[in-house]
Amino acid sequence: MRVTNAVASRRRRKRMINAAKGFRGRRSKLYRYASDAVDHARVYAYRDRKTKKRNFRLLWQIRINAATRAAGLTYSRFIEGLKAAKVGLDRKALADLAATDAAAFTHLIEAAKAALKNKPAATLLKAA
């Protein structure tokens, strides 16, 4: 007698069809095509969770750069000044301040400029 393990097979296939809910055409109806579609979708989802972080960091850098250039400073010098001033805000918070609270961001720019001015000349010469 041939044993097919039908209950487990049906459950596995049903799970795949349910995962393909919302896909168009045979990709949501037939197991073979649903399996391929769900596998591709999961690969893209895993990859793009990483890409999303990269894209948001780039967006935050662009927003910070736009706000600092309006105040007469570049992004890299601003970040260098914040590190010298020991300001521990991350780029997400800085971008939010730049977009929503101009007064607070202006204080940060002034703090960065002051820290750059007080930075020892020896470290500036080493970098050059």
C-alpha atoms as a PDB file:
ATOM      1  CA  MET A   1       0.000   0.000   0.000  1.00  0.00           C
ATOM      2  CA  ARG A   2       1.287   3.444  -0.946  1.00  0.00           C
ATOM      3  CA  VAL A   3       1.405   5.990   1.902  1.00  0.00           C
ATOM      4  CA  THR A   4       0.969   9.603   0.775  1.00  0.00           C
ATOM      5  CA  ASN A   5       0.787  11.438   4.105  1.00  0.00           C
ATOM      6  CA  ALA A   6      -2.113  13.371   2.593  1.00  0.00           C
ATOM      7  CA  VAL A   7      -3.011  15.399   5.678  1.00  0.00           C
ATOM      8  CA  ALA A   8       0.440  16.936   6.030  1.00  0.00           C
ATOM      9  CA  SER A   9       0.831  17.465   2.269  1.00  0.00           C
ATOM     10  CA  ARG A  10      -2.545  19.187   2.000  1.00  0.00           C
ATOM     11  CA  ARG A  11      -1.768  21.373   5.015  1.00  0.00           C
ATOM     12  CA  ARG A  12       1.606  22.366   3.555  1.00  0.00           C
ATOM     13  CA  ARG A  13       0.099  23.217   0.179  1.00  0.00           C
ATOM     14  CA  LYS A  14      -2.810  25.082   1.778  1.00  0.00           C
ATOM     15  CA  ARG A  15      -0.351  27.145   3.813  1.00  0.00           C
ATOM     16  CA  MET A  16       1.478  28.136   0.607  1.00  0.00           C
ATOM     17  CA  ILE A  17      -1.772  29.038  -1.185  1.00  0.00           C
ATOM     18  CA  ASN A  18      -2.801  31.186   1.800  1.00  0.00           C
ATOM     19  CA  ALA A  19       0.589  32.931   1.738  1.00  0.00           C
ATOM     20  CA  ALA A  20      -0.047  33.791  -1.926  1.00  0.00           C
ATOM     21  CA  LYS A  21      -3.356  35.490  -1.141  1.00  0.00           C
ATOM     22  CA  GLY A  22      -3.596  38.750  -3.029  1.00  0.00           C
ATOM     23  CA  PHE A  23      -1.373  37.607  -5.893  1.00  0.00           C
ATOM     24  CA  ARG A  24      -2.932  37.736  -9.363  1.00  0.00           C
ATOM     25  CA  GLY A  25      -4.120  34.846 -11.506  1.00  0.00           C
ATOM     26  CA  ARG A  26      -2.659  31.366 -11.190  1.00  0.00           C
ATOM     27  CA  ARG A  27      -0.020  32.652  -8.750  1.00  0.00           C
ATOM     28  CA  SER A  28      -2.693  32.659  -6.052  1.00  0.00           C
ATOM     29  CA  LYS A  29      -4.645  29.587  -7.155  1.00  0.00           C
ATOM     30  CA  LEU A  30      -2.216  26.839  -8.181  1.00  0.00           C
ATOM     31  CA  TYR A  31       0.341  25.411  -5.771  1.00  0.00           C
ATOM     32  CA  ARG A  32       3.236  25.181  -8.220  1.00  0.00           C
ATOM     33  CA  TYR A  33       3.024  28.844  -9.244  1.00  0.00           C
ATOM     34  CA  ALA A  34       2.092  30.059  -5.783  1.00  0.00           C
ATOM     35  CA  SER A  35       5.175  28.361  -4.353  1.00  0.00           C
ATOM     36  CA  ASP A  36       7.485  30.145  -6.819  1.00  0.00           C
ATOM     37  CA  ALA A  37       5.737  33.478  -6.259  1.00  0.00           C
ATOM     38  CA  VAL A  38       5.891  33.253  -2.458  1.00  0.00           C
ATOM     39  CA  ASP A  39       9.558  32.208  -2.541  1.00  0.00           C
ATOM     40  CA  HIS A  40      10.404  35.221  -4.701  1.00  0.00           C
ATOM     41  CA  ALA A  41       8.334  37.516  -2.495  1.00  0.00           C
ATOM     42  CA  ARG A  42      10.114  36.319   0.646  1.00  0.00           C
ATOM     43  CA  VAL A  43      13.525  36.842  -0.940  1.00  0.00           C
ATOM     44  CA  TYR A  44      12.587  40.394  -1.918  1.00  0.00           C
ATOM     45  CA  ALA A  45      11.134  41.095   1.522  1.00  0.00           C
ATOM     46  CA  TYR A  46      14.322  39.940   3.277  1.00  0.00           C
ATOM     47  CA  ARG A  47      16.549  41.931   0.918  1.00  0.00           C
ATOM     48  CA  ASP A  48      14.461  45.079   1.076  1.00  0.00           C
ATOM     49  CA  ARG A  49      14.288  45.134   4.868  1.00  0.00           C
ATOM     50  CA  LYS A  50      18.029  45.804   4.681  1.00  0.00           C
ATOM     51  CA  THR A  51      17.693  48.268   1.796  1.00  0.00           C
ATOM     52  CA  LYS A  52      15.026  50.220   3.689  1.00  0.00           C
ATOM     53  CA  LYS A  53      17.484  51.055   6.471  1.00  0.00           C
ATOM     54  CA  ARG A  54      20.026  52.243   3.896  1.00  0.00           C
ATOM     55  CA  ASN A  55      17.459  54.413   2.101  1.00  0.00           C
ATOM     56  CA  PHE A  56      16.232  56.078   5.285  1.00  0.00           C
ATOM     57  CA  ARG A  57      19.778  56.893   6.437  1.00  0.00           C
ATOM     58  CA  LEU A  58      20.420  58.478   3.016  1.00  0.00           C
ATOM     59  CA  LEU A  59      17.194  60.496   3.293  1.00  0.00           C
ATOM     60  CA  TRP A  60      18.162  61.736   6.767  1.00  0.00           C
ATOM     61  CA  GLN A  61      21.597  62.776   5.506  1.00  0.00           C
ATOM     62  CA  ILE A  62      20.035  64.727   2.635  1.00  0.00           C
ATOM     63  CA  ARG A  63      17.644  66.551   4.990  1.00  0.00           C
ATOM     64  CA  ILE A  64      20.409  67.400   7.463  1.00  0.00           C
ATOM     65  CA  ASN A  65      22.679  68.573   4.658  1.00  0.00           C
ATOM     66  CA  ALA A  66      19.981  70.867   3.232  1.00  0.00           C
ATOM     67  CA  ALA A  67      19.351  72.439   6.636  1.00  0.00           C
ATOM     68  CA  THR A  68      23.042  72.878   7.473  1.00  0.00           C
ATOM     69  CA  ARG A  69      23.886  74.396   4.083  1.00  0.00           C
ATOM     70  CA  ALA A  70      21.150  76.956   4.647  1.00  0.00           C
ATOM     71  CA  ALA A  71      23.067  77.918   7.806  1.00  0.00           C
ATOM     72  CA  GLY A  72      26.400  78.130   5.978  1.00  0.00           C
ATOM     73  CA  LEU A  73      27.894  74.766   6.962  1.00  0.00           C
ATOM     74  CA  THR A  74      28.328  71.444   5.180  1.00  0.00           C
ATOM     75  CA  TYR A  75      26.971  68.114   6.378  1.00  0.00           C
ATOM     76  CA  SER A  76      30.381  66.595   7.089  1.00  0.00           C
ATOM     77  CA  ARG A  77      31.622  69.631   9.030  1.00  0.00           C
ATOM     78  CA  PHE A  78      28.349  69.711  10.986  1.00  0.00           C
ATOM     79  CA  ILE A  79      28.672  66.047  11.995  1.00  0.00           C
ATOM     80  CA  GLU A  80      32.334  66.610  12.879  1.00  0.00           C
ATOM     81  CA  GLY A  81      31.348  69.583  15.031  1.00  0.00           C
ATOM     82  CA  LEU A  82      28.632  67.611  16.808  1.00  0.00           C
ATOM     83  CA  LYS A  83      31.108  64.835  17.616  1.00  0.00           C
ATOM     84  CA  ALA A  84      33.563  67.411  18.954  1.00  0.00           C
ATOM     85  CA  ALA A  85      30.774  68.979  21.028  1.00  0.00           C
ATOM     86  CA  LYS A  86      29.842  65.485  22.303  1.00  0.00           C
ATOM     87  CA  VAL A  87      26.248  65.728  21.083  1.00  0.00           C
ATOM     88  CA  GLY A  88      24.825  62.205  20.993  1.00  0.00           C
ATOM     89  CA  LEU A  89      21.871  62.629  18.618  1.00  0.00           C
ATOM     90  CA  ASP A  90      21.543  60.187  15.747  1.00  0.00           C
ATOM     91  CA  ARG A  91      20.780  61.172  12.168  1.00  0.00           C
ATOM     92  CA  LYS A  92      17.105  60.261  12.459  1.00  0.00           C
ATOM     93  CA  ALA A  93      16.617  62.691  15.345  1.00  0.00           C
ATOM     94  CA  LEU A  94      18.704  65.375  13.640  1.00  0.00           C
ATOM     95  CA  ALA A  95      16.659  65.111  10.435  1.00  0.00           C
ATOM     96  CA  ASP A  96      13.436  65.339  12.431  1.00  0.00           C
ATOM     97  CA  LEU A  97      14.693  68.466  14.209  1.00  0.00           C
ATOM     98  CA  ALA A  98      15.800  69.989  10.913  1.00  0.00           C
ATOM     99  CA  ALA A  99      12.333  69.446   9.438  1.00  0.00           C
ATOM    100  CA  THR A 100      10.146  70.350  12.408  1.00  0.00           C
ATOM    101  CA  ASP A 101      12.039  72.486  14.941  1.00  0.00           C
ATOM    102  CA  ALA A 102      14.257  75.076  13.255  1.00  0.00           C
ATOM    103  CA  ALA A 103      15.133  76.856  16.519  1.00  0.00           C
ATOM    104  CA  ALA A 104      16.516  73.722  18.170  1.00  0.00           C
ATOM    105  CA  PHE A 105      18.429  72.832  15.017  1.00  0.00           C
ATOM    106  CA  THR A 106      19.944  76.322  14.942  1.00  0.00           C
ATOM    107  CA  HIS A 107      21.233  75.765  18.490  1.00  0.00           C
ATOM    108  CA  LEU A 108      22.835  72.530  17.347  1.00  0.00           C
ATOM    109  CA  ILE A 109      24.488  74.299  14.421  1.00  0.00           C
ATOM    110  CA  GLU A 110      25.868  76.960  16.745  1.00  0.00           C
ATOM    111  CA  ALA A 111      27.170  74.273  19.109  1.00  0.00           C
ATOM    112  CA  ALA A 112      28.852  72.484  16.193  1.00  0.00           C
ATOM    113  CA  LYS A 113      30.440  75.713  14.935  1.00  0.00           C
ATOM    114  CA  ALA A 114      31.726  76.564  18.411  1.00  0.00           C
ATOM    115  CA  ALA A 115      33.173  73.069  18.854  1.00  0.00           C
ATOM    116  CA  LEU A 116      34.894  73.278  15.472  1.00  0.00           C
ATOM    117  CA  LYS A 117      36.371  76.651  16.398  1.00  0.00           C
ATOM    118  CA  ASN A 118      37.705  75.302  19.715  1.00  0.00           C
ATOM    119  CA  LYS A 119      39.028  72.104  18.167  1.00  0.00           C
ATOM    120  CA  PRO A 120      42.830  71.824  18.540  1.00  0.00           C
ATOM    121  CA  ALA A 121      44.816  72.739  15.446  1.00  0.00           C
ATOM    122  CA  ALA A 122      46.984  69.597  15.706  1.00  0.00           C
ATOM    123  CA  THR A 123      44.060  67.352  14.816  1.00  0.00           C
ATOM    124  CA  LEU A 124      43.228  69.576  11.867  1.00  0.00           C
ATOM    125  CA  LEU A 125      46.802  69.327  10.578  1.00  0.00           C
ATOM    126  CA  LYS A 126      46.807  65.529  10.970  1.00  0.00           C
ATOM    127  CA  ALA A 127      43.712  65.233   8.837  1.00  0.00           C
ATOM    128  CA  ALA A 128      45.248  67.293   6.024  1.00  0.00           C
END
